[in-house]
N, C-alpha and C. Protein backbone atom coordinates (compact mmCIF):
# COMPACT_ATOMS: atom_id res chain seq x y z
N VAL A 1 32.16 78.71 -62.00
CA VAL A 1 32.53 80.32 -61.72
C VAL A 1 32.12 80.60 -60.40
N PRO A 2 32.93 81.03 -59.50
CA PRO A 2 32.90 81.37 -58.38
C PRO A 2 31.74 82.52 -58.20
N VAL A 3 31.01 82.41 -57.03
CA VAL A 3 29.93 83.40 -56.81
C VAL A 3 30.55 84.55 -56.06
N SER A 4 30.26 85.86 -56.34
CA SER A 4 30.66 87.02 -55.65
C SER A 4 30.12 87.11 -54.31
N ALA A 5 30.78 87.97 -53.46
CA ALA A 5 30.15 88.06 -52.04
C ALA A 5 28.74 88.70 -52.00
N PRO A 6 28.63 89.79 -52.95
CA PRO A 6 27.10 90.31 -53.08
C PRO A 6 26.28 89.42 -53.67
N GLU A 7 26.75 88.72 -54.58
CA GLU A 7 25.80 87.44 -55.05
C GLU A 7 25.30 86.43 -54.18
N ARG A 8 26.13 86.22 -53.26
CA ARG A 8 26.11 85.21 -52.16
C ARG A 8 24.99 86.02 -51.31
N LEU A 9 25.26 87.09 -50.74
CA LEU A 9 24.56 87.83 -49.94
C LEU A 9 22.89 87.93 -50.40
N GLN A 10 22.84 88.18 -51.73
CA GLN A 10 21.63 88.11 -52.54
C GLN A 10 20.85 87.03 -52.29
N GLU A 11 21.64 85.83 -52.51
CA GLU A 11 20.75 84.63 -52.46
C GLU A 11 20.40 84.32 -51.00
N ILE A 12 21.16 84.63 -49.77
CA ILE A 12 20.90 84.48 -48.52
C ILE A 12 19.80 85.46 -48.19
N LEU A 13 19.51 86.64 -48.82
CA LEU A 13 18.67 87.75 -48.22
C LEU A 13 17.12 87.05 -49.05
N ASP A 14 17.40 86.45 -50.11
CA ASP A 14 16.28 85.93 -50.95
C ASP A 14 15.81 84.69 -50.00
N LEU A 15 16.58 83.80 -49.54
CA LEU A 15 16.06 82.81 -48.81
C LEU A 15 15.61 83.07 -47.64
N ALA A 16 16.16 84.08 -46.81
CA ALA A 16 15.46 84.60 -45.65
C ALA A 16 14.41 85.03 -45.73
N VAL A 17 13.97 85.80 -46.61
CA VAL A 17 12.57 86.40 -47.18
C VAL A 17 11.67 85.24 -47.34
N GLY A 18 12.06 84.33 -47.93
CA GLY A 18 11.39 83.01 -48.58
C GLY A 18 10.89 82.36 -47.04
N LYS A 19 11.66 82.19 -46.24
CA LYS A 19 11.58 81.53 -44.79
C LYS A 19 10.65 82.30 -44.24
N ALA A 20 10.65 83.74 -44.15
CA ALA A 20 9.82 84.81 -43.46
C ALA A 20 8.52 84.36 -43.87
N ARG A 21 8.23 84.36 -45.13
CA ARG A 21 6.92 84.48 -45.85
C ARG A 21 6.17 83.01 -45.33
N GLN A 22 7.07 81.99 -44.75
CA GLN A 22 6.24 80.81 -44.47
C GLN A 22 5.79 80.88 -43.18
N LEU A 23 6.09 81.80 -42.39
CA LEU A 23 5.61 82.25 -40.93
C LEU A 23 4.19 82.62 -40.96
N ARG A 24 3.43 81.96 -40.15
CA ARG A 24 1.76 82.30 -40.21
C ARG A 24 1.60 82.54 -38.77
N GLU A 25 2.59 82.73 -37.74
CA GLU A 25 1.90 82.83 -36.44
C GLU A 25 1.95 84.42 -36.28
N GLY A 26 1.42 84.84 -35.11
CA GLY A 26 1.31 86.14 -34.79
C GLY A 26 0.56 87.04 -35.65
N SER A 27 0.52 88.50 -35.25
CA SER A 27 -0.06 89.42 -36.10
C SER A 27 0.58 90.57 -36.08
N PRO A 28 0.30 91.75 -36.85
CA PRO A 28 0.95 93.03 -36.73
C PRO A 28 0.47 93.50 -35.33
N ALA A 29 1.32 94.38 -34.84
CA ALA A 29 1.14 95.35 -33.46
C ALA A 29 0.17 96.21 -33.95
N THR A 30 -0.91 96.33 -33.12
CA THR A 30 -1.97 97.25 -33.33
C THR A 30 -1.83 98.47 -32.67
N TYR A 31 -0.85 98.52 -31.67
CA TYR A 31 -0.67 99.80 -31.11
C TYR A 31 0.21 100.84 -31.66
N ILE A 32 0.77 100.42 -33.07
CA ILE A 32 1.57 101.07 -33.94
C ILE A 32 0.77 101.21 -35.13
N PRO A 33 0.34 102.47 -35.26
CA PRO A 33 -0.75 102.68 -36.47
C PRO A 33 -0.02 102.33 -37.74
N GLU A 34 1.16 102.48 -37.88
CA GLU A 34 1.79 102.17 -39.26
C GLU A 34 1.93 100.68 -39.59
N LEU A 35 1.95 99.88 -38.62
CA LEU A 35 2.01 98.48 -38.30
C LEU A 35 0.62 97.79 -38.34
N ALA A 36 -0.36 98.48 -37.95
CA ALA A 36 -1.53 97.89 -37.84
C ALA A 36 -2.58 98.04 -39.14
N ASN A 37 -2.09 98.82 -40.10
CA ASN A 37 -2.51 98.91 -41.46
C ASN A 37 -1.76 98.13 -42.45
N VAL A 38 -0.68 97.28 -42.11
CA VAL A 38 0.19 96.62 -42.89
C VAL A 38 -0.30 95.47 -43.23
N ASP A 39 -0.31 95.26 -44.71
CA ASP A 39 -0.65 93.80 -45.26
C ASP A 39 0.39 92.82 -44.72
N PRO A 40 0.03 91.74 -43.86
CA PRO A 40 0.92 90.91 -43.23
C PRO A 40 1.54 90.04 -44.39
N GLU A 41 1.00 90.05 -45.56
CA GLU A 41 1.86 89.04 -46.79
C GLU A 41 2.99 89.93 -47.34
N MET A 42 3.12 91.30 -46.99
CA MET A 42 4.26 91.96 -47.52
C MET A 42 5.36 91.53 -46.70
N THR A 43 6.59 91.19 -47.45
CA THR A 43 7.82 90.97 -46.68
C THR A 43 8.94 91.50 -47.31
N SER A 44 9.62 92.08 -46.89
CA SER A 44 10.93 92.61 -47.50
C SER A 44 12.09 92.73 -46.51
N ALA A 45 13.25 92.66 -47.11
CA ALA A 45 14.70 92.85 -46.44
C ALA A 45 15.46 93.67 -47.41
N ALA A 46 16.56 94.52 -46.83
CA ALA A 46 17.48 94.95 -47.54
C ALA A 46 18.63 95.28 -46.61
N ILE A 47 19.73 95.30 -47.49
CA ILE A 47 21.17 95.34 -46.96
C ILE A 47 22.06 96.31 -47.67
N THR A 48 22.54 97.38 -47.13
CA THR A 48 23.38 98.21 -47.98
C THR A 48 24.81 97.92 -47.39
N LEU A 49 25.68 97.76 -48.46
CA LEU A 49 26.97 97.26 -48.51
C LEU A 49 27.99 98.27 -48.24
N MET A 50 29.10 98.07 -47.76
CA MET A 50 30.08 99.29 -47.46
C MET A 50 30.25 100.00 -48.65
N ASP A 51 30.24 99.47 -49.97
CA ASP A 51 30.54 100.34 -51.18
C ASP A 51 29.19 101.04 -51.79
N GLY A 52 27.95 101.07 -50.64
CA GLY A 52 26.80 101.67 -51.24
C GLY A 52 25.91 100.88 -52.01
N GLN A 53 26.23 99.63 -52.58
CA GLN A 53 25.34 98.80 -53.10
C GLN A 53 24.41 98.42 -52.40
N THR A 54 23.21 98.41 -52.92
CA THR A 54 22.05 97.78 -51.75
C THR A 54 21.29 96.62 -52.40
N LEU A 55 21.33 95.78 -51.61
CA LEU A 55 20.61 94.62 -52.08
C LEU A 55 19.13 94.46 -51.31
N VAL A 56 18.17 94.12 -52.17
CA VAL A 56 16.81 94.21 -51.74
C VAL A 56 16.04 92.97 -52.17
N ALA A 57 15.37 92.27 -51.36
CA ALA A 57 14.69 90.84 -51.32
C ALA A 57 13.21 91.15 -51.10
N GLY A 58 12.14 90.53 -51.76
CA GLY A 58 10.76 90.66 -51.18
C GLY A 58 10.22 91.75 -51.96
N ASP A 59 9.12 92.42 -51.21
CA ASP A 59 8.22 93.26 -51.89
C ASP A 59 8.42 94.80 -51.77
N ALA A 60 9.69 95.24 -51.42
CA ALA A 60 10.14 96.71 -51.31
C ALA A 60 9.79 97.43 -52.47
N ALA A 61 10.06 96.77 -53.99
CA ALA A 61 9.58 97.32 -55.07
C ALA A 61 8.29 97.88 -55.24
N LYS A 62 7.34 97.27 -54.67
CA LYS A 62 5.86 97.57 -54.74
C LYS A 62 5.14 97.99 -53.46
N HIS A 63 6.00 98.01 -52.37
CA HIS A 63 5.27 98.47 -51.17
C HIS A 63 6.23 99.17 -50.31
N ARG A 64 5.84 100.51 -49.63
CA ARG A 64 7.04 101.05 -48.87
C ARG A 64 6.70 100.46 -47.35
N PHE A 65 7.89 100.35 -46.63
CA PHE A 65 7.90 99.73 -45.53
C PHE A 65 8.38 100.84 -44.32
N THR A 66 7.94 100.88 -43.04
CA THR A 66 8.33 101.68 -42.10
C THR A 66 9.74 100.78 -41.52
N LEU A 67 10.48 101.61 -40.85
CA LEU A 67 11.60 101.03 -40.03
C LEU A 67 10.99 100.89 -38.60
N GLN A 68 10.90 99.56 -38.05
CA GLN A 68 10.59 99.18 -36.88
C GLN A 68 11.64 98.34 -36.27
N SER A 69 11.86 98.65 -35.07
CA SER A 69 12.92 98.09 -34.08
C SER A 69 14.12 97.89 -34.89
N SER A 70 14.68 98.80 -35.70
CA SER A 70 16.03 98.52 -36.58
C SER A 70 17.15 98.67 -35.61
N ALA A 71 17.07 99.26 -34.43
CA ALA A 71 18.14 99.40 -33.25
C ALA A 71 18.42 97.97 -32.91
N LYS A 72 17.51 97.28 -32.90
CA LYS A 72 17.98 95.81 -32.38
C LYS A 72 18.77 95.07 -33.07
N VAL A 73 18.78 95.44 -34.29
CA VAL A 73 20.00 94.59 -35.49
C VAL A 73 21.38 95.20 -35.12
N LEU A 74 21.33 96.29 -34.76
CA LEU A 74 22.57 97.02 -34.43
C LEU A 74 23.23 96.56 -33.22
N LEU A 75 22.14 96.25 -32.19
CA LEU A 75 22.65 95.85 -31.07
C LEU A 75 22.99 94.31 -31.12
N LEU A 76 22.36 93.57 -31.90
CA LEU A 76 22.65 92.12 -31.97
C LEU A 76 24.13 92.21 -32.86
N SER A 77 24.36 92.93 -33.79
CA SER A 77 25.67 92.89 -34.35
C SER A 77 26.65 93.15 -33.36
N GLY A 78 26.31 94.15 -32.75
CA GLY A 78 27.64 94.28 -31.49
C GLY A 78 27.74 93.34 -30.80
N LEU A 79 26.66 92.62 -30.25
CA LEU A 79 26.82 91.48 -29.29
C LEU A 79 27.53 90.29 -30.06
N LEU A 80 27.23 90.00 -31.24
CA LEU A 80 27.89 88.86 -31.99
C LEU A 80 29.34 89.23 -32.23
N GLU A 81 29.66 90.57 -32.61
CA GLU A 81 31.05 90.67 -32.65
C GLU A 81 32.04 90.54 -31.43
N SER A 82 31.27 91.10 -30.10
CA SER A 82 32.02 90.92 -29.00
C SER A 82 31.84 89.60 -28.37
N HIS A 83 30.80 88.93 -28.52
CA HIS A 83 30.68 87.68 -27.72
C HIS A 83 30.77 86.32 -28.69
N GLY A 84 30.41 86.65 -29.92
CA GLY A 84 30.35 85.32 -30.74
C GLY A 84 28.98 84.84 -30.97
N GLU A 85 28.91 83.67 -31.63
CA GLU A 85 27.54 83.22 -31.84
C GLU A 85 27.04 82.72 -30.75
N ASP A 86 27.75 81.90 -29.78
CA ASP A 86 27.23 81.33 -28.70
C ASP A 86 26.63 82.33 -27.66
């Protein structure tokens, strides 16, 4: 049975969160109060598709997250679109 695009994206999102959980370097920024108080074990990611469906992986259901550096993702996607992966 072929996997639908949202199902495949969910698998990728779950994999990405799993890999992020393995990272143990660094610490939350203390100059941003919201981040200084966050449990570094909490990890989450979400994508909202063009049809409005939202895919979520990680701890979002049990923890609220602030949006930090979200503009960087938009910049990266624009650069990838105009210049490619390389």
